[in-house]
């Protein structure tokens, strides 16, 4: 007899899954310009991208994984589009005031350099 692992994958409704079986991008609105954003699912991390999450960039507590487990905190998250992130980045005084964490500043700079965050 062979031993099979139990299927522990959670079932996602078919309307929320693309043709490859991964969750579809989430549609959101930018809180600054009301532009439309698609937040993509990141396969290696097994969660949606935090690139467009304003709380991720501005809140120093966001580095703590326990912070994201609170459902109420996630519901109030503001989303920001790539254009508004670029605008923030090029206004250096505001950028330094807003994003306190040096690692996140460097990460955003890298995203812009590698064109992960780009003008649309």
N, C-alpha and C. Protein backbone atom coordinates (compact mmCIF):
# COMPACT_ATOMS: atom_id res chain seq x y z
N UNK A 1 0.84 -1.18 0.00
CA UNK A 1 0.00 0.00 0.00
C UNK A 1 0.88 1.25 0.00
N UNK A 2 0.47 2.19 -0.77
CA UNK A 2 1.22 3.45 -0.79
C UNK A 2 0.54 4.47 0.09
N UNK A 3 1.35 5.27 0.69
CA UNK A 3 0.81 6.32 1.56
C UNK A 3 0.71 7.60 0.74
N UNK A 4 -0.47 8.20 0.76
CA UNK A 4 -0.69 9.45 0.05
C UNK A 4 -0.89 10.56 1.06
N UNK A 5 -0.31 11.70 0.74
CA UNK A 5 -0.54 12.85 1.59
C UNK A 5 -1.97 13.33 1.38
N UNK A 6 -2.55 13.81 2.44
CA UNK A 6 -3.89 14.37 2.33
C UNK A 6 -3.81 15.65 1.50
N UNK A 7 -4.87 15.90 0.76
CA UNK A 7 -4.92 17.12 -0.03
C UNK A 7 -5.25 18.28 0.91
N UNK A 8 -4.21 19.03 1.26
CA UNK A 8 -4.38 20.12 2.22
C UNK A 8 -4.56 21.46 1.53
N UNK A 9 -4.57 21.46 0.20
CA UNK A 9 -4.76 22.72 -0.51
C UNK A 9 -6.18 23.20 -0.29
N UNK A 10 -6.29 24.49 -0.08
CA UNK A 10 -7.64 25.02 0.09
C UNK A 10 -8.25 25.23 -1.28
N UNK A 11 -9.52 25.03 -1.36
CA UNK A 11 -10.23 25.15 -2.63
C UNK A 11 -10.62 26.61 -2.86
N UNK A 12 -10.24 27.11 -4.02
CA UNK A 12 -10.56 28.48 -4.41
C UNK A 12 -11.67 28.40 -5.45
N UNK A 13 -12.72 29.21 -5.30
CA UNK A 13 -13.80 29.18 -6.29
C UNK A 13 -13.26 29.41 -7.70
N UNK A 14 -13.80 28.70 -8.69
CA UNK A 14 -13.28 28.73 -10.05
C UNK A 14 -13.32 30.11 -10.69
N UNK A 15 -14.26 30.97 -10.31
CA UNK A 15 -14.33 32.31 -10.90
C UNK A 15 -13.19 33.21 -10.42
N UNK A 16 -12.51 32.82 -9.34
CA UNK A 16 -11.40 33.61 -8.82
C UNK A 16 -10.04 33.08 -9.25
N UNK A 17 -10.02 32.05 -10.10
CA UNK A 17 -8.78 31.40 -10.51
C UNK A 17 -8.59 31.57 -12.02
N UNK A 18 -7.33 31.83 -12.44
CA UNK A 18 -7.06 31.94 -13.86
C UNK A 18 -6.89 30.56 -14.48
N UNK A 19 -6.55 30.52 -15.78
CA UNK A 19 -6.46 29.23 -16.48
C UNK A 19 -5.31 28.35 -15.98
N UNK A 20 -4.31 28.94 -15.30
CA UNK A 20 -3.20 28.15 -14.76
C UNK A 20 -3.46 27.68 -13.33
N UNK A 21 -4.59 28.07 -12.76
CA UNK A 21 -4.93 27.62 -11.42
C UNK A 21 -4.52 28.54 -10.29
N UNK A 22 -4.02 29.73 -10.63
CA UNK A 22 -3.60 30.69 -9.61
C UNK A 22 -4.65 31.77 -9.45
N UNK A 23 -4.72 32.39 -8.28
CA UNK A 23 -5.71 33.45 -8.07
C UNK A 23 -5.53 34.60 -9.07
N UNK A 24 -6.66 35.14 -9.52
CA UNK A 24 -6.65 36.25 -10.47
C UNK A 24 -6.22 37.53 -9.76
N UNK A 25 -5.71 38.51 -10.53
CA UNK A 25 -5.36 39.80 -9.93
C UNK A 25 -6.58 40.48 -9.32
N UNK A 26 -6.34 41.24 -8.27
CA UNK A 26 -7.41 41.97 -7.59
C UNK A 26 -7.48 43.36 -8.20
N UNK A 27 -8.70 43.81 -8.48
CA UNK A 27 -8.92 45.17 -8.97
C UNK A 27 -9.06 46.09 -7.75
N UNK A 28 -8.37 47.24 -7.79
CA UNK A 28 -8.44 48.22 -6.71
C UNK A 28 -8.35 49.62 -7.28
N UNK A 29 -8.63 50.60 -6.43
CA UNK A 29 -8.54 52.01 -6.81
C UNK A 29 -7.44 52.67 -5.99
N UNK A 30 -6.67 53.53 -6.64
CA UNK A 30 -5.63 54.30 -5.96
C UNK A 30 -6.31 55.34 -5.08
N UNK A 31 -5.85 55.47 -3.84
CA UNK A 31 -6.49 56.42 -2.93
C UNK A 31 -6.12 57.87 -3.25
N UNK A 32 -5.05 58.10 -4.01
CA UNK A 32 -4.64 59.46 -4.35
C UNK A 32 -5.29 59.97 -5.63
N UNK A 33 -5.23 59.17 -6.69
CA UNK A 33 -5.71 59.64 -7.99
C UNK A 33 -6.96 58.91 -8.49
N UNK A 34 -7.44 57.94 -7.74
CA UNK A 34 -8.60 57.12 -8.11
C UNK A 34 -8.38 56.32 -9.39
N UNK A 35 -7.12 56.11 -9.75
CA UNK A 35 -6.80 55.28 -10.91
C UNK A 35 -7.01 53.81 -10.60
N UNK A 36 -7.18 53.01 -11.62
CA UNK A 36 -7.40 51.58 -11.46
C UNK A 36 -6.06 50.85 -11.33
N UNK A 37 -6.02 49.86 -10.43
CA UNK A 37 -4.80 49.09 -10.17
C UNK A 37 -5.16 47.61 -10.23
N UNK A 38 -4.26 46.80 -10.77
CA UNK A 38 -4.39 45.35 -10.69
C UNK A 38 -3.28 44.85 -9.78
N UNK A 39 -3.66 44.22 -8.68
CA UNK A 39 -2.68 43.69 -7.74
C UNK A 39 -2.52 42.21 -8.04
N UNK A 40 -1.31 41.86 -8.47
CA UNK A 40 -1.05 40.49 -8.93
C UNK A 40 -0.70 39.56 -7.78
N UNK A 41 -0.94 38.28 -8.01
CA UNK A 41 -0.60 37.23 -7.06
C UNK A 41 0.85 36.84 -7.27
N UNK A 42 1.64 36.79 -6.19
CA UNK A 42 3.04 36.42 -6.26
C UNK A 42 3.15 34.95 -5.88
N UNK A 43 3.49 34.12 -6.85
CA UNK A 43 3.50 32.67 -6.66
C UNK A 43 4.50 32.22 -5.59
N UNK A 44 5.78 32.66 -5.62
CA UNK A 44 6.72 32.19 -4.59
C UNK A 44 6.31 32.56 -3.16
N UNK A 45 5.69 33.72 -2.98
CA UNK A 45 5.29 34.15 -1.65
C UNK A 45 3.92 33.60 -1.25
N UNK A 46 3.18 33.11 -2.22
CA UNK A 46 1.84 32.57 -2.02
C UNK A 46 0.90 33.60 -1.40
N UNK A 47 1.03 34.85 -1.88
CA UNK A 47 0.12 35.91 -1.46
C UNK A 47 0.17 37.02 -2.50
N UNK A 48 -0.73 37.97 -2.36
CA UNK A 48 -0.77 39.08 -3.29
C UNK A 48 0.37 40.06 -3.00
N UNK A 49 0.81 40.75 -4.05
CA UNK A 49 1.91 41.70 -3.95
C UNK A 49 1.58 42.83 -2.98
N UNK A 50 2.57 43.26 -2.23
CA UNK A 50 2.38 44.38 -1.31
C UNK A 50 2.98 45.67 -1.90
N UNK A 51 3.40 45.60 -3.16
CA UNK A 51 4.01 46.76 -3.82
C UNK A 51 3.06 47.95 -3.86
N UNK A 52 1.79 47.72 -4.07
CA UNK A 52 0.82 48.81 -4.17
C UNK A 52 0.07 49.06 -2.87
N UNK A 53 0.59 48.54 -1.77
CA UNK A 53 -0.06 48.72 -0.48
C UNK A 53 0.60 49.88 0.26
N UNK A 54 -0.13 50.96 0.45
CA UNK A 54 0.40 52.16 1.10
C UNK A 54 0.86 51.86 2.52
N UNK A 55 0.12 51.04 3.21
CA UNK A 55 0.45 50.69 4.60
C UNK A 55 1.82 49.99 4.66
N UNK A 56 2.13 49.18 3.68
CA UNK A 56 3.41 48.47 3.64
C UNK A 56 4.57 49.48 3.59
N UNK A 57 4.45 50.51 2.78
CA UNK A 57 5.54 51.47 2.62
C UNK A 57 5.66 52.42 3.80
N UNK A 58 4.56 52.82 4.41
CA UNK A 58 4.60 53.89 5.40
C UNK A 58 4.58 53.43 6.85
N UNK A 59 4.10 52.25 7.14
CA UNK A 59 3.96 51.81 8.52
C UNK A 59 5.16 50.97 8.95
N UNK A 60 5.92 51.41 9.94
CA UNK A 60 7.07 50.62 10.38
C UNK A 60 6.68 49.27 10.99
N UNK A 61 5.45 49.14 11.48
CA UNK A 61 5.00 47.87 12.05
C UNK A 61 4.70 46.83 10.97
N UNK A 62 4.65 47.26 9.71
CA UNK A 62 4.29 46.34 8.62
C UNK A 62 5.33 45.26 8.40
N UNK A 63 6.54 45.41 8.95
CA UNK A 63 7.57 44.38 8.84
C UNK A 63 7.22 43.15 9.67
N UNK A 64 6.38 43.33 10.67
CA UNK A 64 5.99 42.25 11.55
C UNK A 64 4.87 41.43 10.89
N UNK A 65 5.08 40.12 10.65
CA UNK A 65 4.04 39.29 10.02
C UNK A 65 2.72 39.25 10.80
N UNK A 66 2.81 39.44 12.11
CA UNK A 66 1.60 39.44 12.94
C UNK A 66 0.69 40.62 12.58
N UNK A 67 1.27 41.70 12.10
CA UNK A 67 0.50 42.89 11.72
C UNK A 67 -0.51 42.55 10.63
N UNK A 68 -0.13 41.70 9.68
CA UNK A 68 -0.98 41.39 8.53
C UNK A 68 -2.04 40.34 8.85
N UNK A 69 -1.93 39.68 9.98
CA UNK A 69 -2.92 38.67 10.34
C UNK A 69 -4.23 39.27 10.81
N UNK A 70 -4.19 40.51 11.24
CA UNK A 70 -5.39 41.20 11.69
C UNK A 70 -6.24 41.58 10.48
N UNK A 71 -7.39 40.96 10.36
CA UNK A 71 -8.24 41.16 9.19
C UNK A 71 -8.74 42.61 9.08
N UNK A 72 -9.03 43.24 10.20
CA UNK A 72 -9.50 44.62 10.17
C UNK A 72 -8.43 45.56 9.63
N UNK A 73 -7.18 45.28 9.95
CA UNK A 73 -6.07 46.11 9.45
C UNK A 73 -5.96 45.98 7.93
N UNK A 74 -6.18 44.77 7.40
CA UNK A 74 -6.09 44.57 5.96
C UNK A 74 -7.24 45.23 5.22
N UNK A 75 -8.43 45.27 5.82
CA UNK A 75 -9.59 45.85 5.15
C UNK A 75 -9.44 47.35 4.96
N UNK A 76 -8.72 48.02 5.86
CA UNK A 76 -8.60 49.47 5.75
C UNK A 76 -7.39 49.89 4.93
N UNK A 77 -6.64 48.93 4.39
CA UNK A 77 -5.45 49.26 3.61
C UNK A 77 -5.78 50.15 2.43
N UNK A 78 -4.93 51.14 2.24
CA UNK A 78 -5.06 52.02 1.09
C UNK A 78 -4.15 51.45 -0.01
N UNK A 79 -4.61 51.53 -1.22
CA UNK A 79 -3.82 51.09 -2.36
C UNK A 79 -3.31 52.31 -3.12
N UNK A 80 -2.11 52.20 -3.67
CA UNK A 80 -1.50 53.31 -4.42
C UNK A 80 -0.97 52.78 -5.74
N UNK A 81 -1.20 53.55 -6.81
CA UNK A 81 -0.79 53.11 -8.14
C UNK A 81 0.70 53.41 -8.37
N UNK A 82 1.24 52.83 -9.43
CA UNK A 82 2.66 53.02 -9.75
C UNK A 82 2.98 54.49 -10.04
N UNK A 83 2.07 55.18 -10.74
CA UNK A 83 2.32 56.60 -11.06
C UNK A 83 2.46 57.43 -9.79
N UNK A 84 1.60 57.19 -8.80
CA UNK A 84 1.66 57.94 -7.54
C UNK A 84 2.91 57.57 -6.73
N UNK A 85 3.34 56.30 -6.81
CA UNK A 85 4.58 55.89 -6.15
C UNK A 85 5.78 56.60 -6.79
N UNK A 86 5.78 56.72 -8.11
CA UNK A 86 6.85 57.44 -8.80
C UNK A 86 6.85 58.92 -8.42
N UNK A 87 5.67 59.50 -8.36
CA UNK A 87 5.54 60.91 -7.97
C UNK A 87 6.11 61.12 -6.56
N UNK A 88 5.79 60.21 -5.66
CA UNK A 88 6.32 60.27 -4.30
C UNK A 88 7.84 60.15 -4.30
N UNK A 89 8.35 59.22 -5.07
CA UNK A 89 9.79 58.97 -5.11
C UNK A 89 10.57 60.19 -5.62
N UNK A 90 10.06 60.84 -6.64
CA UNK A 90 10.77 61.98 -7.23
C UNK A 90 10.63 63.26 -6.41
N UNK A 91 9.69 63.31 -5.49
CA UNK A 91 9.60 64.42 -4.53
C UNK A 91 10.38 63.97 -3.29
N UNK A 92 11.69 64.19 -3.32
CA UNK A 92 12.59 63.59 -2.32
C UNK A 92 12.26 63.95 -0.89
N UNK A 93 11.91 65.20 -0.62
CA UNK A 93 11.61 65.58 0.77
C UNK A 93 10.41 64.81 1.30
N UNK A 94 9.38 64.72 0.49
CA UNK A 94 8.18 63.98 0.88
C UNK A 94 8.50 62.49 1.01
N UNK A 95 9.30 61.97 0.10
CA UNK A 95 9.71 60.57 0.11
C UNK A 95 10.42 60.23 1.42
N UNK A 96 11.39 61.05 1.82
CA UNK A 96 12.13 60.80 3.05
C UNK A 96 11.27 60.96 4.28
N UNK A 97 10.32 61.88 4.23
CA UNK A 97 9.39 62.09 5.35
C UNK A 97 8.42 60.93 5.51
N UNK A 98 7.94 60.44 4.38
CA UNK A 98 6.88 59.43 4.38
C UNK A 98 7.39 58.03 4.66
N UNK A 99 8.44 57.63 3.96
CA UNK A 99 8.98 56.27 4.11
C UNK A 99 10.19 56.35 5.02
N UNK A 100 9.99 55.98 6.27
CA UNK A 100 11.03 56.08 7.30
C UNK A 100 12.05 54.94 7.24
N UNK A 101 11.59 53.76 6.85
CA UNK A 101 12.44 52.57 6.85
C UNK A 101 13.43 52.60 5.68
N UNK A 102 14.72 52.59 5.99
CA UNK A 102 15.76 52.66 4.98
C UNK A 102 15.70 51.49 4.00
N UNK A 103 15.40 50.30 4.49
CA UNK A 103 15.32 49.12 3.61
C UNK A 103 14.18 49.27 2.60
N UNK A 104 13.08 49.86 3.04
CA UNK A 104 11.96 50.04 2.12
C UNK A 104 12.26 51.14 1.10
N UNK A 105 12.99 52.16 1.51
CA UNK A 105 13.43 53.18 0.56
C UNK A 105 14.28 52.54 -0.53
N UNK A 106 15.21 51.70 -0.10
CA UNK A 106 16.09 51.03 -1.05
C UNK A 106 15.31 50.07 -1.94
N UNK A 107 14.33 49.41 -1.37
CA UNK A 107 13.51 48.47 -2.15
C UNK A 107 12.72 49.22 -3.22
N UNK A 108 12.11 50.35 -2.86
CA UNK A 108 11.35 51.13 -3.84
C UNK A 108 12.28 51.66 -4.93
N UNK A 109 13.47 52.13 -4.53
CA UNK A 109 14.45 52.60 -5.51
C UNK A 109 14.81 51.47 -6.48
N UNK A 110 15.00 50.27 -5.97
CA UNK A 110 15.29 49.11 -6.82
C UNK A 110 14.13 48.78 -7.74
N UNK A 111 12.91 48.83 -7.23
CA UNK A 111 11.74 48.57 -8.07
C UNK A 111 11.66 49.56 -9.23
N UNK A 112 11.99 50.82 -8.96
CA UNK A 112 11.95 51.83 -10.02
C UNK A 112 13.08 51.59 -11.02
N UNK A 113 14.25 51.28 -10.52
CA UNK A 113 15.40 51.03 -11.38
C UNK A 113 15.16 49.82 -12.28
N UNK A 114 14.56 48.76 -11.73
CA UNK A 114 14.31 47.54 -12.50
C UNK A 114 12.99 47.59 -13.28
N UNK A 115 12.31 48.71 -13.19
CA UNK A 115 11.04 48.95 -13.88
C UNK A 115 9.91 48.01 -13.42
N UNK A 116 9.96 47.63 -12.14
CA UNK A 116 8.83 46.92 -11.54
C UNK A 116 7.73 47.94 -11.29
N UNK A 117 8.13 49.12 -10.83
CA UNK A 117 7.24 50.27 -10.72
C UNK A 117 7.55 51.16 -11.90
N UNK A 118 6.57 51.31 -12.79
CA UNK A 118 6.84 52.10 -14.00
C UNK A 118 5.65 52.98 -14.35
N UNK A 119 5.95 54.02 -15.09
CA UNK A 119 4.93 54.96 -15.56
C UNK A 119 3.98 54.24 -16.49
N UNK A 120 2.69 54.45 -16.28
CA UNK A 120 1.72 53.81 -17.19
C UNK A 120 0.85 54.82 -17.88
